[in-house]
PDB file of N, CA and C in Angstrom:
ATOM      1  N   MET A   1       0.810  -1.185   0.000  1.00  0.00           N
ATOM      2  CA  MET A   1       0.000   0.000   0.000  1.00  0.00           C
ATOM      3  C   MET A   1       0.860   1.258   0.000  1.00  0.00           C
ATOM      4  N   SER A   2       2.033   1.188   0.562  1.00  0.00           N
ATOM      5  CA  SER A   2       2.898   2.366   0.621  1.00  0.00           C
ATOM      6  C   SER A   2       3.293   2.862  -0.763  1.00  0.00           C
ATOM      7  N   LEU A   3       3.349   1.971  -1.716  1.00  0.00           N
ATOM      8  CA  LEU A   3       3.756   2.354  -3.070  1.00  0.00           C
ATOM      9  C   LEU A   3       2.587   2.824  -3.932  1.00  0.00           C
ATOM     10  N   SER A   4       1.373   2.707  -3.404  1.00  0.00           N
ATOM     11  CA  SER A   4       0.205   2.994  -4.233  1.00  0.00           C
ATOM     12  C   SER A   4       0.038   4.472  -4.583  1.00  0.00           C
ATOM     13  N   TYR A   5       0.700   5.365  -3.878  1.00  0.00           N
ATOM     14  CA  TYR A   5       0.566   6.800  -4.153  1.00  0.00           C
ATOM     15  C   TYR A   5       1.490   7.264  -5.280  1.00  0.00           C
ATOM     16  N   TYR A   6       2.520   6.520  -5.549  1.00  0.00           N
ATOM     17  CA  TYR A   6       3.514   6.939  -6.539  1.00  0.00           C
ATOM     18  C   TYR A   6       2.968   7.015  -7.966  1.00  0.00           C
ATOM     19  N   PRO A   7       2.129   6.069  -8.414  1.00  0.00           N
ATOM     20  CA  PRO A   7       1.563   6.236  -9.764  1.00  0.00           C
ATOM     21  C   PRO A   7       0.730   7.508  -9.903  1.00  0.00           C
ATOM     22  N   GLN A   8      -0.009   7.860  -8.842  1.00  0.00           N
ATOM     23  CA  GLN A   8      -0.793   9.097  -8.893  1.00  0.00           C
ATOM     24  C   GLN A   8       0.122  10.310  -8.962  1.00  0.00           C
ATOM     25  N   ALA A   9       1.168  10.318  -8.155  1.00  0.00           N
ATOM     26  CA  ALA A   9       2.116  11.435  -8.179  1.00  0.00           C
ATOM     27  C   ALA A   9       2.792  11.533  -9.543  1.00  0.00           C
ATOM     28  N   PHE A  10       3.180  10.387 -10.097  1.00  0.00           N
ATOM     29  CA  PHE A  10       3.814  10.375 -11.418  1.00  0.00           C
ATOM     30  C   PHE A  10       2.880  10.970 -12.465  1.00  0.00           C
ATOM     31  N   LYS A  11       1.603  10.589 -12.402  1.00  0.00           N
ATOM     32  CA  LYS A  11       0.624  11.100 -13.364  1.00  0.00           C
ATOM     33  C   LYS A  11       0.449  12.612 -13.228  1.00  0.00           C
ATOM     34  N   ILE A  12       0.417  13.105 -12.002  1.00  0.00           N
ATOM     35  CA  ILE A  12       0.267  14.540 -11.783  1.00  0.00           C
ATOM     36  C   ILE A  12       1.457  15.303 -12.359  1.00  0.00           C
ATOM     37  N   PHE A  13       2.663  14.850 -12.067  1.00  0.00           N
ATOM     38  CA  PHE A  13       3.844  15.570 -12.546  1.00  0.00           C
ATOM     39  C   PHE A  13       4.048  15.419 -14.050  1.00  0.00           C
ATOM     40  N   LYS A  14       3.653  14.293 -14.609  1.00  0.00           N
ATOM     41  CA  LYS A  14       3.800  14.090 -16.050  1.00  0.00           C
ATOM     42  C   LYS A  14       2.837  14.976 -16.834  1.00  0.00           C
ATOM     43  N   ARG A  15       1.582  15.040 -16.388  1.00  0.00           N
ATOM     44  CA  ARG A  15       0.568  15.811 -17.113  1.00  0.00           C
ATOM     45  C   ARG A  15       0.499  17.273 -16.687  1.00  0.00           C
ATOM     46  N   LYS A  16       1.134  17.591 -15.547  1.00  0.00           N
ATOM     47  CA  LYS A  16       1.122  18.941 -15.006  1.00  0.00           C
ATOM     48  C   LYS A  16      -0.297  19.453 -14.744  1.00  0.00           C
ATOM     49  N   ARG A  17      -1.140  18.555 -14.274  1.00  0.00           N
ATOM     50  CA  ARG A  17      -2.483  18.916 -13.838  1.00  0.00           C
ATOM     51  C   ARG A  17      -2.972  17.860 -12.859  1.00  0.00           C
ATOM     52  N   CYS A  18      -3.943  18.255 -12.068  1.00  0.00           N
ATOM     53  CA  CYS A  18      -4.408  17.362 -11.007  1.00  0.00           C
ATOM     54  C   CYS A  18      -5.924  17.398 -10.881  1.00  0.00           C
ATOM     55  N   LYS A  19      -6.576  17.264 -11.966  1.00  0.00           N
ATOM     56  CA  LYS A  19      -8.029  17.302 -11.978  1.00  0.00           C
ATOM     57  C   LYS A  19      -8.592  16.155 -11.138  1.00  0.00           C
ATOM     58  N   ASP A  20      -9.607  16.469 -10.357  1.00  0.00           N
ATOM     59  CA  ASP A  20     -10.341  15.495  -9.534  1.00  0.00           C
ATOM     60  C   ASP A  20      -9.509  14.852  -8.432  1.00  0.00           C
ATOM     61  N   ILE A  21      -8.512  15.549  -7.934  1.00  0.00           N
ATOM     62  CA  ILE A  21      -7.751  15.075  -6.774  1.00  0.00           C
ATOM     63  C   ILE A  21      -8.302  15.785  -5.543  1.00  0.00           C
ATOM     64  N   SER A  22      -8.593  15.017  -4.504  1.00  0.00           N
ATOM     65  CA  SER A  22      -9.093  15.596  -3.261  1.00  0.00           C
ATOM     66  C   SER A  22      -7.937  15.758  -2.279  1.00  0.00           C
ATOM     67  N   PRO A  23      -7.509  16.995  -2.018  1.00  0.00           N
ATOM     68  CA  PRO A  23      -6.413  17.181  -1.067  1.00  0.00           C
ATOM     69  C   PRO A  23      -6.797  16.752   0.348  1.00  0.00           C
ATOM     70  N   THR A  24      -8.074  16.849   0.692  1.00  0.00           N
ATOM     71  CA  THR A  24      -8.521  16.433   2.018  1.00  0.00           C
ATOM     72  C   THR A  24      -8.212  14.953   2.260  1.00  0.00           C
ATOM     73  N   THR A  25      -8.468  14.138   1.268  1.00  0.00           N
ATOM     74  CA  THR A  25      -8.170  12.708   1.375  1.00  0.00           C
ATOM     75  C   THR A  25      -6.698  12.477   1.635  1.00  0.00           C
ATOM     76  N   PHE A  26      -5.859  13.167   0.919  1.00  0.00           N
ATOM     77  CA  PHE A  26      -4.422  12.958   1.071  1.00  0.00           C
ATOM     78  C   PHE A  26      -3.890  13.536   2.378  1.00  0.00           C
ATOM     79  N   PHE A  27      -4.521  14.600   2.901  1.00  0.00           N
ATOM     80  CA  PHE A  27      -4.137  15.092   4.224  1.00  0.00           C
ATOM     81  C   PHE A  27      -4.510  14.074   5.309  1.00  0.00           C
ATOM     82  N   ILE A  28      -5.658  13.432   5.153  1.00  0.00           N
ATOM     83  CA  ILE A  28      -6.051  12.392   6.103  1.00  0.00           C
ATOM     84  C   ILE A  28      -5.090  11.209   6.021  1.00  0.00           C
ATOM     85  N   LEU A  29      -4.729  10.808   4.811  1.00  0.00           N
ATOM     86  CA  LEU A  29      -3.757   9.723   4.643  1.00  0.00           C
ATOM     87  C   LEU A  29      -2.399  10.100   5.229  1.00  0.00           C
ATOM     88  N   LEU A  30      -2.008  11.353   5.056  1.00  0.00           N
ATOM     89  CA  LEU A  30      -0.743  11.833   5.620  1.00  0.00           C
ATOM     90  C   LEU A  30      -0.786  11.776   7.149  1.00  0.00           C
ATOM     91  N   PHE A  31      -1.865  12.233   7.738  1.00  0.00           N
ATOM     92  CA  PHE A  31      -2.019  12.208   9.189  1.00  0.00           C
ATOM     93  C   PHE A  31      -1.939  10.774   9.721  1.00  0.00           C
ATOM     94  N   GLY A  32      -2.662   9.860   9.080  1.00  0.00           N
ATOM     95  CA  GLY A  32      -2.625   8.462   9.502  1.00  0.00           C
ATOM     96  C   GLY A  32      -1.238   7.857   9.364  1.00  0.00           C
ATOM     97  N   GLY A  33      -0.559   8.182   8.272  1.00  0.00           N
ATOM     98  CA  GLY A  33       0.799   7.679   8.062  1.00  0.00           C
ATOM     99  C   GLY A  33       1.773   8.184   9.107  1.00  0.00           C
ATOM    100  N   VAL A  34       1.641   9.450   9.475  1.00  0.00           N
ATOM    101  CA  VAL A  34       2.527  10.022  10.493  1.00  0.00           C
ATOM    102  C   VAL A  34       2.273   9.351  11.849  1.00  0.00           C
ATOM    103  N   ILE A  35       1.008   9.105  12.166  1.00  0.00           N
ATOM    104  CA  ILE A  35       0.680   8.419  13.426  1.00  0.00           C
ATOM    105  C   ILE A  35       1.312   7.023  13.450  1.00  0.00           C
ATOM    106  N   TRP A  36       1.198   6.286  12.350  1.00  0.00           N
ATOM    107  CA  TRP A  36       1.804   4.946  12.286  1.00  0.00           C
ATOM    108  C   TRP A  36       3.325   5.022  12.329  1.00  0.00           C
ATOM    109  N   LEU A  37       3.897   6.027  11.712  1.00  0.00           N
ATOM    110  CA  LEU A  37       5.347   6.207  11.763  1.00  0.00           C
ATOM    111  C   LEU A  37       5.801   6.429  13.201  1.00  0.00           C
ATOM    112  N   ILE A  38       5.110   7.285  13.921  1.00  0.00           N
ATOM    113  CA  ILE A  38       5.447   7.541  15.325  1.00  0.00           C
ATOM    114  C   ILE A  38       5.302   6.261  16.153  1.00  0.00           C
ATOM    115  N   TYR A  39       4.242   5.531  15.905  1.00  0.00           N
ATOM    116  CA  TYR A  39       4.025   4.265  16.610  1.00  0.00           C
ATOM    117  C   TYR A  39       5.167   3.285  16.345  1.00  0.00           C
ATOM    118  N   GLY A  40       5.545   3.167  15.069  1.00  0.00           N
ATOM    119  CA  GLY A  40       6.621   2.256  14.708  1.00  0.00           C
ATOM    120  C   GLY A  40       7.948   2.630  15.347  1.00  0.00           C
ATOM    121  N   ILE A  41       8.251   3.911  15.371  1.00  0.00           N
ATOM    122  CA  ILE A  41       9.503   4.372  15.981  1.00  0.00           C
ATOM    123  C   ILE A  41       9.458   4.179  17.495  1.00  0.00           C
ATOM    124  N   ALA A  42       8.332   4.527  18.106  1.00  0.00           N
ATOM    125  CA  ALA A  42       8.211   4.434  19.564  1.00  0.00           C
ATOM    126  C   ALA A  42       8.332   2.995  20.063  1.00  0.00           C
ATOM    127  N   ASN A  43       7.855   2.059  19.269  1.00  0.00           N
ATOM    128  CA  ASN A  43       7.883   0.652  19.670  1.00  0.00           C
ATOM    129  C   ASN A  43       9.003  -0.138  18.996  1.00  0.00           C
ATOM    130  N   GLN A  44       9.902   0.567  18.334  1.00  0.00           N
ATOM    131  CA  GLN A  44      11.041  -0.025  17.642  1.00  0.00           C
ATOM    132  C   GLN A  44      10.611  -1.094  16.639  1.00  0.00           C
ATOM    133  N   LEU A  45       9.525  -0.824  15.958  1.00  0.00           N
ATOM    134  CA  LEU A  45       9.032  -1.698  14.888  1.00  0.00           C
ATOM    135  C   LEU A  45       9.428  -1.037  13.567  1.00  0.00           C
ATOM    136  N   PHE A  46      10.649  -1.281  13.181  1.00  0.00           N
ATOM    137  CA  PHE A  46      11.212  -0.533  12.058  1.00  0.00           C
ATOM    138  C   PHE A  46      10.617  -0.928  10.715  1.00  0.00           C
ATOM    139  N   VAL A  47      10.048  -2.105  10.604  1.00  0.00           N
ATOM    140  CA  VAL A  47       9.359  -2.481   9.364  1.00  0.00           C
ATOM    141  C   VAL A  47       8.152  -1.563   9.156  1.00  0.00           C
ATOM    142  N   ILE A  48       7.418  -1.326  10.216  1.00  0.00           N
ATOM    143  CA  ILE A  48       6.271  -0.412  10.137  1.00  0.00           C
ATOM    144  C   ILE A  48       6.751   1.007   9.861  1.00  0.00           C
ATOM    145  N   ALA A  49       7.787   1.441  10.561  1.00  0.00           N
ATOM    146  CA  ALA A  49       8.291   2.804  10.384  1.00  0.00           C
ATOM    147  C   ALA A  49       8.783   3.034   8.954  1.00  0.00           C
ATOM    148  N   ILE A  50       9.510   2.081   8.409  1.00  0.00           N
ATOM    149  CA  ILE A  50      10.035   2.232   7.048  1.00  0.00           C
ATOM    150  C   ILE A  50       8.909   2.224   6.025  1.00  0.00           C
ATOM    151  N   SER A  51       7.968   1.288   6.159  1.00  0.00           N
ATOM    152  CA  SER A  51       6.900   1.213   5.159  1.00  0.00           C
ATOM    153  C   SER A  51       6.029   2.463   5.178  1.00  0.00           C
ATOM    154  N   PHE A  52       5.747   2.987   6.353  1.00  0.00           N
ATOM    155  CA  PHE A  52       4.933   4.208   6.395  1.00  0.00           C
ATOM    156  C   PHE A  52       5.731   5.440   5.998  1.00  0.00           C
ATOM    157  N   SER A  53       7.039   5.425   6.173  1.00  0.00           N
ATOM    158  CA  SER A  53       7.866   6.526   5.658  1.00  0.00           C
ATOM    159  C   SER A  53       7.780   6.592   4.143  1.00  0.00           C
ATOM    160  N   ILE A  54       7.815   5.432   3.514  1.00  0.00           N
ATOM    161  CA  ILE A  54       7.685   5.376   2.053  1.00  0.00           C
ATOM    162  C   ILE A  54       6.314   5.903   1.635  1.00  0.00           C
ATOM    163  N   GLY A  55       5.280   5.529   2.370  1.00  0.00           N
ATOM    164  CA  GLY A  55       3.933   6.016   2.064  1.00  0.00           C
ATOM    165  C   GLY A  55       3.796   7.507   2.263  1.00  0.00           C
ATOM    166  N   ILE A  56       4.387   8.023   3.329  1.00  0.00           N
ATOM    167  CA  ILE A  56       4.322   9.461   3.606  1.00  0.00           C
ATOM    168  C   ILE A  56       4.978  10.255   2.479  1.00  0.00           C
ATOM    169  N   ILE A  57       6.099   9.775   1.984  1.00  0.00           N
ATOM    170  CA  ILE A  57       6.764  10.456   0.870  1.00  0.00           C
ATOM    171  C   ILE A  57       5.861  10.474  -0.354  1.00  0.00           C
ATOM    172  N   GLY A  58       5.196   9.358  -0.631  1.00  0.00           N
ATOM    173  CA  GLY A  58       4.279   9.301  -1.769  1.00  0.00           C
ATOM    174  C   GLY A  58       3.120  10.264  -1.625  1.00  0.00           C
ATOM    175  N   VAL A  59       2.533  10.314  -0.439  1.00  0.00           N
ATOM    176  CA  VAL A  59       1.424  11.249  -0.193  1.00  0.00           C
ATOM    177  C   VAL A  59       1.906  12.689  -0.324  1.00  0.00           C
ATOM    178  N   LEU A  60       3.082  12.984   0.206  1.00  0.00           N
ATOM    179  CA  LEU A  60       3.621  14.345   0.081  1.00  0.00           C
ATOM    180  C   LEU A  60       3.861  14.716  -1.374  1.00  0.00           C
ATOM    181  N   LEU A  61       4.319  13.779  -2.181  1.00  0.00           N
ATOM    182  CA  LEU A  61       4.511  14.065  -3.609  1.00  0.00           C
ATOM    183  C   LEU A  61       3.188  14.412  -4.280  1.00  0.00           C
ATOM    184  N   VAL A  62       2.130  13.672  -3.947  1.00  0.00           N
ATOM    185  CA  VAL A  62       0.817  13.978  -4.513  1.00  0.00           C
ATOM    186  C   VAL A  62       0.366  15.367  -4.068  1.00  0.00           C
ATOM    187  N   LEU A  63       0.524  15.678  -2.790  1.00  0.00           N
ATOM    188  CA  LEU A  63       0.106  16.992  -2.302  1.00  0.00           C
ATOM    189  C   LEU A  63       0.937  18.125  -2.903  1.00  0.00           C
ATOM    190  N   ILE A  64       2.226  17.917  -3.052  1.00  0.00           N
ATOM    191  CA  ILE A  64       3.070  18.939  -3.692  1.00  0.00           C
ATOM    192  C   ILE A  64       2.619  19.150  -5.127  1.00  0.00           C
ATOM    193  N   GLY A  65       2.372  18.073  -5.842  1.00  0.00           N
ATOM    194  CA  GLY A  65       1.876  18.181  -7.212  1.00  0.00           C
ATOM    195  C   GLY A  65       0.538  18.897  -7.273  1.00  0.00           C
ATOM    196  N   TYR A  66      -0.318  18.603  -6.321  1.00  0.00           N
ATOM    197  CA  TYR A  66      -1.630  19.266  -6.279  1.00  0.00           C
ATOM    198  C   TYR A  66      -1.468  20.778  -6.130  1.00  0.00           C
ATOM    199  N   PHE A  67      -0.627  21.186  -5.176  1.00  0.00           N
ATOM    200  CA  PHE A  67      -0.502  22.619  -4.939  1.00  0.00           C
ATOM    201  C   PHE A  67       0.309  23.326  -6.034  1.00  0.00           C
ATOM    202  N   LEU A  68       1.160  22.614  -6.737  1.00  0.00           N
ATOM    203  CA  LEU A  68       1.878  23.219  -7.854  1.00  0.00           C
ATOM    204  C   LEU A  68       0.999  23.428  -9.081  1.00  0.00           C
ATOM    205  N   TYR A  69       0.116  22.468  -9.348  1.00  0.00           N
ATOM    206  CA  TYR A  69      -0.604  22.481 -10.610  1.00  0.00           C
ATOM    207  C   TYR A  69      -2.103  22.715 -10.475  1.00  0.00           C
ATOM    208  N   HIS A  70      -2.569  23.060  -9.297  1.00  0.00           N
ATOM    209  CA  HIS A  70      -4.008  23.309  -9.128  1.00  0.00           C
ATOM    210  C   HIS A  70      -4.339  24.742  -9.493  1.00  0.00           C
TER     211      HIS A  70
END
């Protein structure tokens, strides 16, 4: 699931537009990812921390693309 945001980010940056993207959804996903990242670090569960770090980067790329091309 952590890699699922990258195709969307790639599409946004390739086409330089972000029609029908809901930033609210991605902010919620970002919030959830950060919570899981904190949980993983706090409990030394580095598999969780690494996988959610990858997801957070993907969500941030989508949000950056949204704000650049909206």
